Protein backbone atom coordinates (compact mmCIF):
# COMPACT_ATOMS: atom_id res chain seq x y z
CA UNK A 1 17.06 -36.48 -31.10
CA UNK A 2 17.31 -34.40 -34.26
CA UNK A 3 15.51 -31.05 -34.12
CA UNK A 4 15.11 -28.49 -36.89
CA UNK A 5 13.97 -24.89 -36.50
CA UNK A 6 12.67 -22.75 -39.33
CA UNK A 7 14.83 -19.74 -38.53
CA UNK A 8 13.44 -17.25 -41.06
CA UNK A 9 12.00 -14.84 -38.44
CA UNK A 10 15.48 -14.56 -36.87
CA UNK A 11 16.57 -12.60 -39.95
CA UNK A 12 14.17 -9.69 -39.42
CA UNK A 13 16.26 -6.57 -38.94
CA UNK A 14 13.39 -4.75 -37.24
CA UNK A 15 12.03 -7.38 -34.88
CA UNK A 16 8.41 -7.56 -33.78
CA UNK A 17 6.59 -10.12 -31.63
CA UNK A 18 7.01 -13.16 -33.89
CA UNK A 19 10.72 -12.60 -34.45
CA UNK A 20 11.41 -11.93 -30.76
CA UNK A 21 9.56 -15.12 -29.81
CA UNK A 22 11.66 -17.00 -32.37
CA UNK A 23 14.91 -15.47 -31.20
CA UNK A 24 14.39 -16.08 -27.50
CA UNK A 25 13.09 -19.63 -27.95
CA UNK A 26 15.95 -20.47 -30.32
CA UNK A 27 18.46 -19.09 -27.83
CA UNK A 28 17.28 -21.55 -25.18
CA UNK A 29 16.89 -24.44 -27.63
CA UNK A 30 20.53 -23.98 -28.66
CA UNK A 31 21.50 -24.68 -25.06
CA UNK A 32 19.73 -28.06 -25.07
CA UNK A 33 22.60 -30.53 -25.24
CA UNK A 34 20.22 -33.45 -25.80
CA UNK A 35 19.37 -32.39 -29.37
CA UNK A 36 21.19 -32.17 -32.67
CA UNK A 37 19.92 -28.81 -33.86
CA UNK A 38 19.61 -27.55 -37.42
CA UNK A 39 18.51 -24.01 -38.38
CA UNK A 40 16.93 -23.50 -41.81
CA UNK A 41 16.59 -20.25 -43.72
CA UNK A 42 16.06 -19.19 -47.33
CA UNK A 43 16.46 -16.33 -49.78
CA UNK A 44 19.11 -14.38 -51.63
CA UNK A 45 18.29 -10.76 -50.73
CA UNK A 46 20.72 -9.22 -48.22
CA UNK A 47 22.52 -12.56 -48.21
CA UNK A 48 25.70 -11.41 -46.48
CA UNK A 49 23.83 -9.43 -43.85
CA UNK A 50 21.64 -12.43 -43.07
CA UNK A 51 24.59 -14.81 -43.15
CA UNK A 52 26.22 -12.70 -40.45
CA UNK A 53 23.16 -13.20 -38.24
CA UNK A 54 23.20 -16.99 -38.58
CA UNK A 55 27.00 -17.24 -38.35
CA UNK A 56 26.79 -16.62 -34.59
CA UNK A 57 24.90 -19.93 -34.40
CA UNK A 58 27.40 -21.70 -36.65
CA UNK A 59 30.17 -20.56 -34.33
CA UNK A 60 28.38 -22.38 -31.51
CA UNK A 61 28.45 -25.61 -33.48
CA UNK A 62 24.85 -25.39 -34.70
CA UNK A 63 24.21 -26.77 -38.18
CA UNK A 64 22.74 -24.10 -40.49
CA UNK A 65 21.12 -24.91 -43.84
CA UNK A 66 20.47 -22.22 -46.45
CA UNK A 67 18.34 -22.35 -49.60
CA UNK A 68 18.60 -19.84 -52.43
CA UNK A 69 14.92 -20.41 -53.28
CA UNK A 70 12.97 -17.48 -51.78
CA UNK A 71 10.01 -18.29 -49.56
CA UNK A 72 7.53 -16.49 -51.83
CA UNK A 73 8.76 -18.52 -54.81
CA UNK A 74 8.34 -21.77 -52.86
CA UNK A 75 4.80 -20.76 -51.89
CA UNK A 76 3.86 -19.99 -55.49
CA UNK A 77 5.31 -23.29 -56.66
CA UNK A 78 3.32 -25.23 -54.06
CA UNK A 79 0.12 -24.58 -56.00
CA UNK A 80 1.21 -26.54 -59.09
CA UNK A 81 4.70 -27.99 -58.56
CA UNK A 82 5.35 -28.35 -54.82
CA UNK A 83 8.94 -28.89 -53.70
CA UNK A 84 9.17 -30.79 -50.40
CA UNK A 85 10.63 -28.79 -47.53
CA UNK A 86 12.72 -31.83 -46.60
CA UNK A 87 14.21 -31.88 -50.10
CA UNK A 88 15.21 -28.21 -49.80
CA UNK A 89 16.83 -28.43 -46.37
CA UNK A 90 17.46 -32.13 -45.72
CA UNK A 91 18.64 -33.28 -42.30
CA UNK A 92 15.92 -35.89 -41.62
CA UNK A 93 14.79 -34.31 -38.30
CA UNK A 94 12.56 -36.02 -35.75
CA UNK A 95 10.77 -32.70 -35.09
CA UNK A 96 10.68 -29.35 -36.90
CA UNK A 97 9.42 -26.14 -35.27
CA UNK A 98 7.84 -23.40 -37.39
CA UNK A 99 7.45 -20.12 -35.50
CA UNK A 100 5.43 -18.13 -38.01
CA UNK A 101 1.99 -19.67 -38.72
CA UNK A 102 2.93 -21.87 -41.70
CA UNK A 103 3.84 -25.54 -42.08
CA UNK A 104 5.14 -26.00 -45.64
CA UNK A 105 4.58 -29.00 -47.86
CA UNK A 106 6.76 -32.08 -47.43
CA UNK A 107 8.23 -31.79 -43.92
CA UNK A 108 9.65 -35.01 -42.49
CA UNK A 109 9.04 -36.00 -38.89
CA UNK A 110 6.72 -34.29 -36.42
CA UNK A 111 5.69 -30.68 -36.99
CA UNK A 112 5.14 -27.99 -34.36
CA UNK A 113 3.76 -24.64 -35.54
CA UNK A 114 3.32 -21.43 -33.54
CA UNK A 115 0.10 -19.54 -34.35
CA UNK A 116 0.32 -16.29 -32.44
CA UNK A 117 -3.19 -14.87 -32.91
CA UNK A 118 -6.30 -14.74 -35.06
CA UNK A 119 -6.15 -11.07 -36.03
CA UNK A 120 -6.84 -11.82 -39.69
CA UNK A 121 -10.16 -13.43 -38.70
CA UNK A 122 -11.28 -11.12 -35.89
CA UNK A 123 -10.11 -7.79 -37.33
CA UNK A 124 -9.57 -8.43 -41.05
CA UNK A 125 -9.82 -4.71 -41.76
CA UNK A 126 -6.62 -4.13 -39.74
CA UNK A 127 -4.54 -6.63 -41.76
CA UNK A 128 -3.02 -5.95 -45.17
CA UNK A 129 -4.72 -7.65 -48.11
CA UNK A 130 -1.54 -9.58 -48.90
CA UNK A 131 -1.17 -10.98 -45.37
CA UNK A 132 -4.89 -11.71 -45.05
CA UNK A 133 -4.96 -13.55 -48.37
CA UNK A 134 -1.89 -15.59 -47.44
CA UNK A 135 -3.25 -16.61 -44.02
CA UNK A 136 -6.69 -17.49 -45.37
CA UNK A 137 -4.96 -19.66 -47.96
CA UNK A 138 -2.55 -21.54 -45.70
CA UNK A 139 -4.09 -21.84 -42.23
CA UNK A 140 -6.41 -24.78 -42.90
CA UNK A 141 -3.62 -26.89 -44.36
CA UNK A 142 -1.20 -25.69 -41.67
CA UNK A 143 -3.55 -27.06 -39.02
CA UNK A 144 -3.85 -30.33 -40.93
CA UNK A 145 -0.10 -30.71 -41.40
CA UNK A 146 0.89 -29.74 -37.86
CA UNK A 147 1.09 -32.41 -35.19
CA UNK A 148 0.87 -29.71 -32.50
CA UNK A 149 -0.16 -26.06 -32.59
CA UNK A 150 1.45 -23.77 -30.05
CA UNK A 151 0.00 -20.40 -29.17
CA UNK A 152 0.94 -17.70 -26.68
CA UNK A 153 -2.10 -17.23 -24.43
CA UNK A 154 -5.24 -18.98 -23.23
CA UNK A 155 -7.22 -16.34 -25.09
CA UNK A 156 -5.49 -17.15 -28.39
CA UNK A 157 -6.05 -20.85 -27.83
CA UNK A 158 -9.81 -20.24 -27.59
CA UNK A 159 -9.67 -18.10 -30.75
CA UNK A 160 -7.80 -20.77 -32.72
CA UNK A 161 -10.28 -23.45 -31.66
CA UNK A 162 -13.19 -21.16 -32.54
CA UNK A 163 -12.06 -19.92 -35.94
CA UNK A 164 -10.07 -22.91 -37.22
CA UNK A 165 -12.21 -25.69 -35.73
CA UNK A 166 -9.16 -27.38 -34.21
CA UNK A 167 -9.27 -30.14 -31.61
CA UNK A 168 -8.44 -28.45 -28.27
CA UNK A 169 -5.98 -31.25 -27.47
CA UNK A 170 -3.95 -30.21 -30.49
CA UNK A 171 -3.35 -26.69 -29.14
CA UNK A 172 -0.88 -25.97 -26.35
CA UNK A 173 -0.17 -22.63 -24.70
CA UNK A 174 3.47 -21.61 -24.38
CA UNK A 175 3.46 -17.88 -23.57
CA UNK A 176 5.94 -15.21 -24.45
CA UNK A 177 8.38 -14.25 -21.75
CA UNK A 178 10.24 -11.21 -20.55
CA UNK A 179 14.02 -11.00 -20.63
CA UNK A 180 14.44 -9.83 -17.04
CA UNK A 181 18.14 -9.15 -17.57
CA UNK A 182 17.33 -6.67 -20.30
CA UNK A 183 13.99 -5.30 -19.09
CA UNK A 184 14.66 -4.15 -15.56
CA UNK A 185 14.22 -1.17 -13.29
CA UNK A 186 17.92 -1.29 -12.39
CA UNK A 187 19.07 1.08 -15.14
CA UNK A 188 20.86 4.17 -13.84
CA UNK A 189 19.40 7.61 -14.47
CA UNK A 190 22.29 8.35 -16.86
CA UNK A 191 21.23 5.38 -19.00
CA UNK A 192 17.72 6.80 -19.28
CA UNK A 193 19.02 10.28 -20.07
CA UNK A 194 21.29 8.92 -22.82
CA UNK A 195 18.38 7.07 -24.45
CA UNK A 196 16.10 10.12 -24.19
CA UNK A 197 18.65 12.43 -25.72
CA UNK A 198 19.24 10.05 -28.63
CA UNK A 199 15.62 10.69 -29.70
CA UNK A 200 15.30 14.27 -28.41
CA UNK A 201 12.77 13.30 -25.75
CA UNK A 202 12.22 15.61 -22.75
CA UNK A 203 12.26 14.44 -19.14
CA UNK A 204 8.51 13.82 -18.78
CA UNK A 205 6.74 11.70 -21.34
CA UNK A 206 4.11 9.05 -21.98
CA UNK A 207 5.25 6.17 -24.16
CA UNK A 208 3.83 3.84 -26.79
CA UNK A 209 6.02 1.26 -28.56
CA UNK A 210 4.73 -1.03 -31.28
CA UNK A 211 4.22 -1.26 -35.02
CA UNK A 212 2.36 1.68 -36.54
CA UNK A 213 -0.72 -0.05 -37.93
CA UNK A 214 -4.53 0.10 -37.47
CA UNK A 215 -4.79 -2.80 -35.01
CA UNK A 216 -2.67 -0.95 -32.46
CA UNK A 217 -5.36 1.75 -32.09
CA UNK A 218 -2.88 4.62 -32.19
CA UNK A 219 -5.34 7.05 -33.74
CA UNK A 220 -7.64 6.82 -30.70
CA UNK A 221 -4.59 7.14 -28.44
CA UNK A 222 -3.75 10.38 -30.23
CA UNK A 223 -7.32 11.63 -29.90
CA UNK A 224 -7.30 10.83 -26.18
CA UNK A 225 -3.97 12.56 -25.72
CA UNK A 226 -5.28 15.60 -27.59
CA UNK A 227 -8.07 15.86 -25.01
CA UNK A 228 -5.44 16.05 -22.27
CA UNK A 229 -3.43 18.70 -24.07
CA UNK A 230 -6.50 20.87 -24.63
CA UNK A 231 -7.37 20.50 -20.95
CA UNK A 232 -3.82 21.04 -19.62
CA UNK A 233 -1.09 22.41 -21.87
CA UNK A 234 1.66 21.20 -19.48
CA UNK A 235 0.80 17.58 -20.22
CA UNK A 236 3.94 15.42 -20.73
CA UNK A 237 4.73 14.75 -24.38
CA UNK A 238 3.53 11.57 -26.09
CA UNK A 239 6.33 9.47 -27.58
CA UNK A 240 5.29 7.00 -30.27
CA UNK A 241 8.02 4.51 -31.12
CA UNK A 242 7.93 1.73 -33.69
CA UNK A 243 8.39 0.90 -37.33
CA UNK A 244 5.84 1.79 -39.98
CA UNK A 245 3.46 -1.06 -40.66
CA UNK A 246 0.65 -0.53 -43.14
CA UNK A 247 -1.95 2.26 -43.33
CA UNK A 248 0.29 4.25 -41.00
CA UNK A 249 -0.30 7.54 -42.85
CA UNK A 250 -3.54 8.20 -40.95
CA UNK A 251 -1.59 8.15 -37.68
CA UNK A 252 0.62 11.05 -38.73
CA UNK A 253 -2.27 12.98 -40.25
CA UNK A 254 -4.33 12.55 -37.05
CA UNK A 255 -1.66 14.43 -35.07
CA UNK A 256 -1.89 17.31 -37.55
CA UNK A 257 -5.69 17.28 -37.49
CA UNK A 258 -5.61 17.59 -33.70
CA UNK A 259 -3.05 20.39 -33.88
CA UNK A 260 -0.70 18.72 -31.39
CA UNK A 261 2.47 18.37 -33.51
CA UNK A 262 4.50 20.10 -30.79
CA UNK A 263 3.44 17.51 -28.20
CA UNK A 264 3.96 14.24 -30.12
CA UNK A 265 7.34 12.70 -30.95
CA UNK A 266 7.63 9.92 -33.53
CA UNK A 267 10.93 8.10 -33.05
CA UNK A 268 10.70 5.50 -35.80
CA UNK A 269 11.99 2.01 -35.08
CA UNK A 270 13.87 2.08 -31.79
CA UNK A 271 17.27 0.48 -31.35
CA UNK A 272 16.97 -2.63 -29.20
CA UNK A 273 19.37 -1.31 -26.61
CA UNK A 274 17.32 1.89 -26.11
CA UNK A 275 13.89 0.35 -25.52
CA UNK A 276 14.26 -0.71 -21.84
CA UNK A 277 15.72 2.63 -20.79
CA UNK A 278 12.96 4.56 -22.53
CA UNK A 279 10.38 2.32 -20.88
CA UNK A 280 11.91 2.90 -17.47
CA UNK A 281 11.95 6.67 -17.92
CA UNK A 282 8.30 6.97 -18.99
CA UNK A 283 5.59 8.21 -16.63
CA UNK A 284 3.36 5.50 -18.12
CA UNK A 285 3.37 3.03 -20.97
CA UNK A 286 0.14 3.34 -22.97
CA UNK A 287 -0.84 0.35 -25.10
CA UNK A 288 -4.55 0.54 -26.10
CA UNK A 289 -4.35 -2.15 -28.80
CA UNK A 290 -7.58 -3.50 -30.24
CA UNK A 291 -6.29 -7.05 -30.43
CA UNK A 292 -3.20 -8.92 -29.21
CA UNK A 293 -2.39 -12.59 -29.09
CA UNK A 294 -0.19 -11.76 -26.12
CA UNK A 295 0.96 -8.15 -25.75
CA UNK A 296 4.63 -8.44 -24.94
CA UNK A 297 5.42 -4.69 -24.73
CA UNK A 298 3.03 -4.29 -21.78
CA UNK A 299 4.92 -6.87 -19.72
CA UNK A 300 8.29 -5.48 -20.75
CA UNK A 301 7.27 -2.03 -19.50
CA UNK A 302 6.11 -3.53 -16.19
CA UNK A 303 9.50 -5.23 -15.82
CA UNK A 304 11.08 -1.78 -16.10
CA UNK A 305 8.93 -0.55 -13.22
CA UNK A 306 6.62 1.53 -15.40
CA UNK A 307 2.82 1.76 -14.92
CA UNK A 308 0.90 0.30 -17.86
CA UNK A 309 -2.39 1.48 -19.33
CA UNK A 310 -3.76 -1.09 -21.74
CA UNK A 311 -6.93 -2.51 -23.27
CA UNK A 312 -9.56 -4.58 -21.54
CA UNK A 313 -9.72 -6.65 -24.74
CA UNK A 314 -8.33 -9.92 -26.12
CA UNK A 315 -5.36 -11.40 -24.22
CA UNK A 316 -4.25 -8.21 -22.47
CA UNK A 317 -6.29 -8.62 -19.23
CA UNK A 318 -4.91 -12.16 -18.94
CA UNK A 319 -1.32 -11.00 -19.40
CA UNK A 320 -1.22 -7.87 -17.22
CA UNK A 321 -3.47 -9.27 -14.49
CA UNK A 322 -4.26 -6.86 -11.67
CA UNK A 323 -1.15 -4.79 -12.37
CA UNK A 324 -2.35 -2.80 -15.38
CA UNK A 325 -4.98 -0.10 -15.69
CA UNK A 326 -7.49 -1.48 -18.19
CA UNK A 327 -9.52 0.72 -20.54
CA UNK A 328 -12.08 0.27 -23.29
CA UNK A 329 -9.92 0.72 -26.41
CA UNK A 330 -12.87 2.23 -28.32
CA UNK A 331 -13.59 4.85 -25.64
CA UNK A 332 -11.36 7.87 -26.24
CA UNK A 333 -12.54 9.66 -23.09
CA UNK A 334 -11.74 6.61 -20.96
CA UNK A 335 -8.21 6.37 -22.38
CA UNK A 336 -7.71 10.08 -21.70
CA UNK A 337 -9.00 9.76 -18.14
CA UNK A 338 -6.66 6.83 -17.44
CA UNK A 339 -3.63 8.78 -18.65
CA UNK A 340 -4.63 11.80 -16.55
CA UNK A 341 -5.06 9.66 -13.43
CA UNK A 342 -1.66 8.03 -13.79
CA UNK A 343 0.07 11.35 -14.51
CA UNK A 344 -1.41 13.06 -11.44
CA UNK A 345 -1.60 10.26 -8.86
CA UNK A 346 1.81 9.38 -7.38
CA UNK A 347 0.34 6.74 -5.04
CA UNK A 348 -1.42 5.03 -7.91
CA UNK A 349 1.78 4.95 -9.99
CA UNK A 350 3.73 3.39 -7.12
CA UNK A 351 1.04 0.75 -6.57
CA UNK A 352 0.96 -0.12 -10.27
CA UNK A 353 4.74 -0.29 -10.35
CA UNK A 354 4.88 -2.77 -7.45
CA UNK A 355 2.13 -4.95 -8.89
CA UNK A 356 3.78 -4.94 -12.29
CA UNK A 357 7.11 -6.17 -10.95
CA UNK A 358 5.30 -9.08 -9.29
CA UNK A 359 3.22 -9.90 -12.38
CA UNK A 360 6.19 -10.24 -14.73
CA UNK A 361 7.63 -13.04 -12.61
CA UNK A 362 4.89 -15.24 -14.06
CA UNK A 363 6.33 -14.83 -17.55
CA UNK A 364 9.99 -15.69 -18.11
CA UNK A 365 11.60 -16.99 -21.29
CA UNK A 366 13.28 -19.73 -19.28
CA UNK A 367 9.92 -21.13 -18.13
CA UNK A 368 8.46 -20.86 -21.63
CA UNK A 369 11.50 -22.52 -23.18
CA UNK A 370 11.24 -25.39 -20.71
CA UNK A 371 7.66 -25.96 -21.85
CA UNK A 372 8.78 -25.95 -25.49
CA UNK A 373 11.63 -28.33 -24.66
CA UNK A 374 9.23 -30.74 -22.96
CA UNK A 375 6.89 -30.56 -25.95
CA UNK A 376 9.43 -31.33 -28.67
CA UNK A 377 10.87 -34.20 -26.66
CA UNK A 378 7.35 -35.62 -26.27
CA UNK A 379 6.79 -35.26 -30.01
CA UNK A 380 10.09 -37.00 -30.78
CA UNK A 381 9.13 -39.81 -28.43
CA UNK A 382 5.80 -40.20 -30.20
CA UNK A 383 7.60 -40.32 -33.54
CA UNK A 384 9.87 -43.11 -32.31
CA UNK A 385 6.89 -45.13 -31.05
CA UNK A 386 5.13 -44.74 -34.40
CA UNK A 387 8.33 -45.69 -36.23
């Protein structure tokens, strides 16, 4: 069968959930010898840098198609002079997979789209106006154009059905996974020390990793942490790692308002190779997000043997199971109490660590990729029957 993948999220230099999902799924799809694979990407900015990323696929014999027409230009044209996707990239695939919410106009064959969450519907105030406007504009027609919608959790499936009025049979759950070779407790102490020193982090610290944006609830995390510092000045530092999203300024100003600049370390976007070691070295990973379609960082921290404090909201209880310590993300005192308990209770940390290592075995990229493989072969078979 002929399979195409819209590879645009692979080009993100600073990868977040969507781009990691795309990368890991594509990695396994490339190993499927039963398909003729084609990767499509577009744009002219940073052309040579992006070409270098896709060249590693070319070297493996994967066909790569590039269009100079930027995605934003194609979207604007669709309103009055739509150019078919199949005209831009060709290849006549049986199935095309789109990993980032949108199915463009004029795609040949069957279409699979990954819709990761419904943040723009549930928490519109936490999404930029540009992103919210785009999603409100394209999601109805994406659902109409797609032959199958994939999402990453049972919770997100219910949200998609609720907000987009989609037939439940048209939505399939294929969760994120954890790269257990990369996220592991097996790192040596020297590896952890090297990663800490690269960001000037002391030996004892609490850790958050994720985009700096309102949905991640970092301001309440800072307020909760400030309560600990005011109660006990020897509290481990709070390390906040991740790239700046939107409306991130309030996060930095909140630290100043609380007067805890000496206790909070902002690392910026963390190098991929440093993340697992920093997770392993943390006393606890604190992830009190208001809304997640999945919540990959929580599982990754568990795979590193680190206790996880996370929200009792959205998909997070489903993902962390009995292994995480769940808190009300709106209750600052509750978040503070959870951090204090984990810091002080060695037995509790060890129990959470053991449960976390068991929980992550339920989520591997190999298992998820096998589900995706089964799906696109089914879709190709359906296309042949219809043909």
